[in-house]
Amino acid sequence: MELISYLKEQMKLDPGLERKLEQAFRRDYYSKGHKITEPGTLSNKVYFVEKGLVRTYYIKNGKEITHHFFAEDKFTMPIESIFYNGRSPYGIEVLESSIIRSVRFPGLEELIDGSTALEKFIRMLLIDVLKTFSDRLSALQFQSAHERYQTMLEQNPNILLRAPLGHIASYLGITQQTLSVIRAQK
């Protein structure tokens, strides 16, 4: 869904703010495999997936590990860079041809400061992000590999059709072989 249409579903968006948001957010088209950012870099951009699938990932022992998947109508941003002026341990990679909207956070912050509706939306978005990562941490700590797989399918049923199995396995914290065994148990 296009950014403005998505925002209109989430909040009351007056025409002036709509125009400013449309101008502030750049639209980029990326091919599968493109790395928007690399782990260990600074970026102050907020990203919105209009079309496609991206993942955040980190490097551990020389291997890329999937941290999270973001499909249509999802925001992602390097929190460590934006709020703490530090290098983000996560990179962003495009897994399908995608349309990604982006804005530098200082520009977005100016718009947030001028709109109570946008401020409330951002607050709810950040709470949702905290809940998502709290659920993920809980799953890694307390769920079996099979339960994590089932949870992933419930939350994102098309992920098996859209993401490489190696990325899915690393997201679940298991080997590709273990993922194959779990999938065969259906």
C-alpha atoms as a PDB file:
ATOM      1  CA  MET A   1       0.000   0.000   0.000  1.00  0.00           C
ATOM      2  CA  GLU A   2       1.238   3.484  -0.691  1.00  0.00           C
ATOM      3  CA  LEU A   3       2.517   5.399   2.315  1.00  0.00           C
ATOM      4  CA  ILE A   4      -0.133   8.129   2.286  1.00  0.00           C
ATOM      5  CA  SER A   5      -2.988   5.625   1.897  1.00  0.00           C
ATOM      6  CA  TYR A   6      -1.575   3.633   4.808  1.00  0.00           C
ATOM      7  CA  LEU A   7      -1.275   6.734   7.005  1.00  0.00           C
ATOM      8  CA  LYS A   8      -4.832   7.779   6.151  1.00  0.00           C
ATOM      9  CA  GLU A   9      -6.042   4.398   7.430  1.00  0.00           C
ATOM     10  CA  GLN A  10      -4.125   4.890  10.660  1.00  0.00           C
ATOM     11  CA  MET A  11      -4.928   8.519  11.483  1.00  0.00           C
ATOM     12  CA  LYS A  12      -6.740  11.662  10.426  1.00  0.00           C
ATOM     13  CA  LEU A  13      -4.404  13.251   7.898  1.00  0.00           C
ATOM     14  CA  ASP A  14      -5.128  16.822   6.888  1.00  0.00           C
ATOM     15  CA  PRO A  15      -4.273  17.820   3.282  1.00  0.00           C
ATOM     16  CA  GLY A  16      -1.397  20.099   4.330  1.00  0.00           C
ATOM     17  CA  LEU A  17       0.353  17.382   6.334  1.00  0.00           C
ATOM     18  CA  GLU A  18      -0.371  14.862   3.583  1.00  0.00           C
ATOM     19  CA  ARG A  19       1.423  17.095   1.071  1.00  0.00           C
ATOM     20  CA  LYS A  20       4.398  17.606   3.408  1.00  0.00           C
ATOM     21  CA  LEU A  21       4.735  13.871   4.060  1.00  0.00           C
ATOM     22  CA  GLU A  22       4.508  13.064   0.359  1.00  0.00           C
ATOM     23  CA  GLN A  23       7.309  15.556  -0.335  1.00  0.00           C
ATOM     24  CA  ALA A  24       9.450  14.473   2.641  1.00  0.00           C
ATOM     25  CA  PHE A  25       9.431  10.728   1.909  1.00  0.00           C
ATOM     26  CA  ARG A  26      11.581   9.735  -1.052  1.00  0.00           C
ATOM     27  CA  ARG A  27      10.431   6.763  -3.156  1.00  0.00           C
ATOM     28  CA  ASP A  28      13.131   4.292  -4.240  1.00  0.00           C
ATOM     29  CA  TYR A  29      12.912   1.131  -6.308  1.00  0.00           C
ATOM     30  CA  TYR A  30      15.274  -1.673  -5.299  1.00  0.00           C
ATOM     31  CA  SER A  31      16.130  -5.012  -6.888  1.00  0.00           C
ATOM     32  CA  LYS A  32      16.297  -8.281  -5.002  1.00  0.00           C
ATOM     33  CA  GLY A  33      19.586  -8.589  -3.121  1.00  0.00           C
ATOM     34  CA  HIS A  34      20.264  -4.856  -2.804  1.00  0.00           C
ATOM     35  CA  LYS A  35      21.671  -3.865   0.571  1.00  0.00           C
ATOM     36  CA  ILE A  36      20.164  -0.547   1.611  1.00  0.00           C
ATOM     37  CA  THR A  37      22.452  -0.330   4.641  1.00  0.00           C
ATOM     38  CA  GLU A  38      25.259  -2.524   5.964  1.00  0.00           C
ATOM     39  CA  PRO A  39      25.741  -3.549   9.594  1.00  0.00           C
ATOM     40  CA  GLY A  40      27.990  -1.128  11.446  1.00  0.00           C
ATOM     41  CA  THR A  41      26.952   1.984   9.539  1.00  0.00           C
ATOM     42  CA  LEU A  42      25.294   5.233  10.577  1.00  0.00           C
ATOM     43  CA  SER A  43      21.945   6.125   9.032  1.00  0.00           C
ATOM     44  CA  ASN A  44      19.279   8.515  10.224  1.00  0.00           C
ATOM     45  CA  LYS A  45      16.594   7.341   7.801  1.00  0.00           C
ATOM     46  CA  VAL A  46      13.180   5.897   8.528  1.00  0.00           C
ATOM     47  CA  TYR A  47      12.011   3.360   5.934  1.00  0.00           C
ATOM     48  CA  PHE A  48       8.498   2.310   4.909  1.00  0.00           C
ATOM     49  CA  VAL A  49       7.911  -0.752   2.713  1.00  0.00           C
ATOM     50  CA  GLU A  50       5.264   0.115   0.123  1.00  0.00           C
ATOM     51  CA  LYS A  51       5.842  -3.062  -1.875  1.00  0.00           C
ATOM     52  CA  GLY A  52       8.144  -6.013  -1.378  1.00  0.00           C
ATOM     53  CA  LEU A  53      10.064  -7.653   1.433  1.00  0.00           C
ATOM     54  CA  VAL A  54      13.198  -6.618   3.303  1.00  0.00           C
ATOM     55  CA  ARG A  55      15.072  -8.061   6.225  1.00  0.00           C
ATOM     56  CA  THR A  56      17.268  -6.619   8.904  1.00  0.00           C
ATOM     57  CA  TYR A  57      20.309  -8.739   9.619  1.00  0.00           C
ATOM     58  CA  TYR A  58      23.546  -8.771  11.576  1.00  0.00           C
ATOM     59  CA  ILE A  59      26.890 -10.516  11.227  1.00  0.00           C
ATOM     60  CA  LYS A  60      27.924 -13.184  13.738  1.00  0.00           C
ATOM     61  CA  ASN A  61      31.069 -15.243  13.268  1.00  0.00           C
ATOM     62  CA  GLY A  62      31.215 -14.101   9.645  1.00  0.00           C
ATOM     63  CA  LYS A  63      27.640 -15.250   8.879  1.00  0.00           C
ATOM     64  CA  GLU A  64      24.587 -13.122   8.180  1.00  0.00           C
ATOM     65  CA  ILE A  65      21.806 -13.733  10.698  1.00  0.00           C
ATOM     66  CA  THR A  66      18.290 -12.490   9.980  1.00  0.00           C
ATOM     67  CA  HIS A  67      17.008 -10.260  12.754  1.00  0.00           C
ATOM     68  CA  HIS A  68      13.548  -9.474  11.370  1.00  0.00           C
ATOM     69  CA  PHE A  69      11.427  -9.402   8.200  1.00  0.00           C
ATOM     70  CA  PHE A  70       9.480  -6.331   7.043  1.00  0.00           C
ATOM     71  CA  ALA A  71       6.838  -6.656   4.339  1.00  0.00           C
ATOM     72  CA  GLU A  72       4.299  -4.191   2.990  1.00  0.00           C
ATOM     73  CA  ASP A  73       2.988  -1.482   5.306  1.00  0.00           C
ATOM     74  CA  LYS A  74       5.844  -1.806   7.807  1.00  0.00           C
ATOM     75  CA  PHE A  75       8.340   0.750   9.045  1.00  0.00           C
ATOM     76  CA  THR A  76      11.930   0.075  10.047  1.00  0.00           C
ATOM     77  CA  MET A  77      14.735   2.342  11.195  1.00  0.00           C
ATOM     78  CA  PRO A  78      18.196   2.033  12.736  1.00  0.00           C
ATOM     79  CA  ILE A  79      17.281   3.018  16.293  1.00  0.00           C
ATOM     80  CA  GLU A  80      20.916   3.014  17.444  1.00  0.00           C
ATOM     81  CA  SER A  81      21.807   5.654  14.840  1.00  0.00           C
ATOM     82  CA  ILE A  82      18.686   7.799  15.037  1.00  0.00           C
ATOM     83  CA  PHE A  83      18.326   8.047  18.800  1.00  0.00           C
ATOM     84  CA  TYR A  84      21.845   7.329  20.083  1.00  0.00           C
ATOM     85  CA  ASN A  85      24.066   8.561  17.236  1.00  0.00           C
ATOM     86  CA  GLY A  86      25.772   5.161  17.163  1.00  0.00           C
ATOM     87  CA  ARG A  87      26.459   2.644  14.466  1.00  0.00           C
ATOM     88  CA  SER A  88      23.652   0.193  13.921  1.00  0.00           C
ATOM     89  CA  PRO A  89      24.565  -3.480  14.287  1.00  0.00           C
ATOM     90  CA  TYR A  90      21.893  -4.236  11.665  1.00  0.00           C
ATOM     91  CA  GLY A  91      21.876  -3.925   7.914  1.00  0.00           C
ATOM     92  CA  ILE A  92      18.823  -3.826   5.645  1.00  0.00           C
ATOM     93  CA  GLU A  93      18.630  -6.116   2.612  1.00  0.00           C
ATOM     94  CA  VAL A  94      15.935  -6.273  -0.070  1.00  0.00           C
ATOM     95  CA  LEU A  95      14.598  -9.835  -0.545  1.00  0.00           C
ATOM     96  CA  GLU A  96      12.180  -9.035  -3.396  1.00  0.00           C
ATOM     97  CA  SER A  97      11.996  -6.216  -5.884  1.00  0.00           C
ATOM     98  CA  SER A  98      10.671  -3.506  -3.621  1.00  0.00           C
ATOM     99  CA  ILE A  99       9.403   0.035  -3.393  1.00  0.00           C
ATOM    100  CA  ILE A 100      10.753   1.668  -0.258  1.00  0.00           C
ATOM    101  CA  ARG A 101       9.913   5.149   0.992  1.00  0.00           C
ATOM    102  CA  SER A 102      12.490   6.860   3.192  1.00  0.00           C
ATOM    103  CA  VAL A 103      12.905  10.099   5.072  1.00  0.00           C
ATOM    104  CA  ARG A 104      15.691  11.460   7.223  1.00  0.00           C
ATOM    105  CA  PHE A 105      14.514  11.430  10.823  1.00  0.00           C
ATOM    106  CA  PRO A 106      15.265  15.123  11.526  1.00  0.00           C
ATOM    107  CA  GLY A 107      12.885  16.085   8.694  1.00  0.00           C
ATOM    108  CA  LEU A 108      10.224  13.689   9.967  1.00  0.00           C
ATOM    109  CA  GLU A 109      10.698  14.981  13.502  1.00  0.00           C
ATOM    110  CA  GLU A 110       9.827  18.503  12.345  1.00  0.00           C
ATOM    111  CA  LEU A 111       6.564  17.178  10.916  1.00  0.00           C
ATOM    112  CA  ILE A 112       5.875  15.192  14.097  1.00  0.00           C
ATOM    113  CA  ASP A 113       6.419  18.301  16.228  1.00  0.00           C
ATOM    114  CA  GLY A 114       3.803  20.140  14.181  1.00  0.00           C
ATOM    115  CA  SER A 115       1.086  17.475  14.280  1.00  0.00           C
ATOM    116  CA  THR A 116      -0.586  15.935  17.310  1.00  0.00           C
ATOM    117  CA  ALA A 117      -2.084  13.187  15.131  1.00  0.00           C
ATOM    118  CA  LEU A 118       1.312  12.257  13.671  1.00  0.00           C
ATOM    119  CA  GLU A 119       2.925  12.396  17.115  1.00  0.00           C
ATOM    120  CA  LYS A 120       0.298   9.976  18.470  1.00  0.00           C
ATOM    121  CA  PHE A 121       0.728   7.673  15.460  1.00  0.00           C
ATOM    122  CA  ILE A 122       4.531   7.583  15.907  1.00  0.00           C
ATOM    123  CA  ARG A 123       4.132   6.873  19.616  1.00  0.00           C
ATOM    124  CA  MET A 124       1.809   3.942  18.839  1.00  0.00           C
ATOM    125  CA  LEU A 125       4.200   2.733  16.128  1.00  0.00           C
ATOM    126  CA  LEU A 126       7.121   2.730  18.584  1.00  0.00           C
ATOM    127  CA  ILE A 127       5.036   0.873  21.175  1.00  0.00           C
ATOM    128  CA  ASP A 128       4.178  -1.699  18.500  1.00  0.00           C
ATOM    129  CA  VAL A 129       7.883  -2.089  17.665  1.00  0.00           C
ATOM    130  CA  LEU A 130       8.711  -2.605  21.360  1.00  0.00           C
ATOM    131  CA  LYS A 131       5.971  -5.237  21.635  1.00  0.00           C
ATOM    132  CA  THR A 132       7.193  -7.013  18.502  1.00  0.00           C
ATOM    133  CA  PHE A 133      10.756  -7.242  19.792  1.00  0.00           C
ATOM    134  CA  SER A 134       9.615  -8.212  23.286  1.00  0.00           C
ATOM    135  CA  ASP A 135       7.581 -11.055  21.739  1.00  0.00           C
ATOM    136  CA  ARG A 136      10.591 -12.091  19.647  1.00  0.00           C
ATOM    137  CA  LEU A 137      12.903 -12.163  22.672  1.00  0.00           C
ATOM    138  CA  SER A 138      10.335 -14.149  24.624  1.00  0.00           C
ATOM    139  CA  ALA A 139       9.990 -16.636  21.759  1.00  0.00           C
ATOM    140  CA  LEU A 140      13.752 -17.161  21.581  1.00  0.00           C
ATOM    141  CA  GLN A 141      13.949 -17.640  25.335  1.00  0.00           C
ATOM    142  CA  PHE A 142      10.885 -19.777  25.992  1.00  0.00           C
ATOM    143  CA  GLN A 143       9.640 -21.439  22.802  1.00  0.00           C
ATOM    144  CA  SER A 144      10.918 -24.537  21.079  1.00  0.00           C
ATOM    145  CA  ALA A 145      12.085 -24.292  17.483  1.00  0.00           C
ATOM    146  CA  HIS A 146       8.796 -25.830  16.339  1.00  0.00           C
ATOM    147  CA  GLU A 147       6.784 -23.284  18.351  1.00  0.00           C
ATOM    148  CA  ARG A 148       8.842 -20.397  16.919  1.00  0.00           C
ATOM    149  CA  TYR A 149       8.165 -21.756  13.428  1.00  0.00           C
ATOM    150  CA  GLN A 150       4.412 -21.943  14.112  1.00  0.00           C
ATOM    151  CA  THR A 151       4.383 -18.421  15.553  1.00  0.00           C
ATOM    152  CA  MET A 152       6.207 -17.107  12.482  1.00  0.00           C
ATOM    153  CA  LEU A 153       3.656 -18.766  10.165  1.00  0.00           C
ATOM    154  CA  GLU A 154       0.750 -17.314  12.178  1.00  0.00           C
ATOM    155  CA  GLN A 155       2.215 -13.797  12.057  1.00  0.00           C
ATOM    156  CA  ASN A 156       3.480 -13.952   8.474  1.00  0.00           C
ATOM    157  CA  PRO A 157       1.873 -16.882   6.602  1.00  0.00           C
ATOM    158  CA  ASN A 158       3.453 -16.031   3.220  1.00  0.00           C
ATOM    159  CA  ILE A 159       7.023 -15.866   4.486  1.00  0.00           C
ATOM    160  CA  LEU A 160       7.883 -19.357   3.173  1.00  0.00           C
ATOM    161  CA  LEU A 161       6.926 -18.211  -0.327  1.00  0.00           C
ATOM    162  CA  ARG A 162       8.818 -14.932  -0.115  1.00  0.00           C
ATOM    163  CA  ALA A 163      12.050 -15.408   1.849  1.00  0.00           C
ATOM    164  CA  PRO A 164      14.941 -17.844   1.301  1.00  0.00           C
ATOM    165  CA  LEU A 165      14.891 -20.776   3.727  1.00  0.00           C
ATOM    166  CA  GLY A 166      18.382 -19.917   4.984  1.00  0.00           C
ATOM    167  CA  HIS A 167      17.155 -16.486   6.091  1.00  0.00           C
ATOM    168  CA  ILE A 168      14.101 -18.040   7.743  1.00  0.00           C
ATOM    169  CA  ALA A 169      16.224 -20.598   9.582  1.00  0.00           C
ATOM    170  CA  SER A 170      18.607 -17.940  10.902  1.00  0.00           C
ATOM    171  CA  TYR A 171      15.628 -15.805  11.989  1.00  0.00           C
ATOM    172  CA  LEU A 172      14.282 -18.772  13.950  1.00  0.00           C
ATOM    173  CA  GLY A 173      17.699 -19.455  15.470  1.00  0.00           C
ATOM    174  CA  ILE A 174      17.992 -22.904  13.920  1.00  0.00           C
ATOM    175  CA  THR A 175      19.900 -24.602  11.113  1.00  0.00           C
ATOM    176  CA  GLN A 176      18.423 -25.085   7.678  1.00  0.00           C
ATOM    177  CA  GLN A 177      18.459 -28.839   8.327  1.00  0.00           C
ATOM    178  CA  THR A 178      16.348 -28.379  11.477  1.00  0.00           C
ATOM    179  CA  LEU A 179      13.955 -26.163   9.526  1.00  0.00           C
ATOM    180  CA  SER A 180      13.570 -28.926   6.911  1.00  0.00           C
ATOM    181  CA  VAL A 181      12.765 -31.468   9.651  1.00  0.00           C
ATOM    182  CA  ILE A 182      10.166 -29.134  11.215  1.00  0.00           C
ATOM    183  CA  ARG A 183       8.548 -28.476   7.837  1.00  0.00           C
ATOM    184  CA  ALA A 184       8.404 -32.209   7.067  1.00  0.00           C
ATOM    185  CA  GLN A 185       6.496 -32.886  10.325  1.00  0.00           C
ATOM    186  CA  LYS A 186       3.353 -31.163   9.025  1.00  0.00           C
END
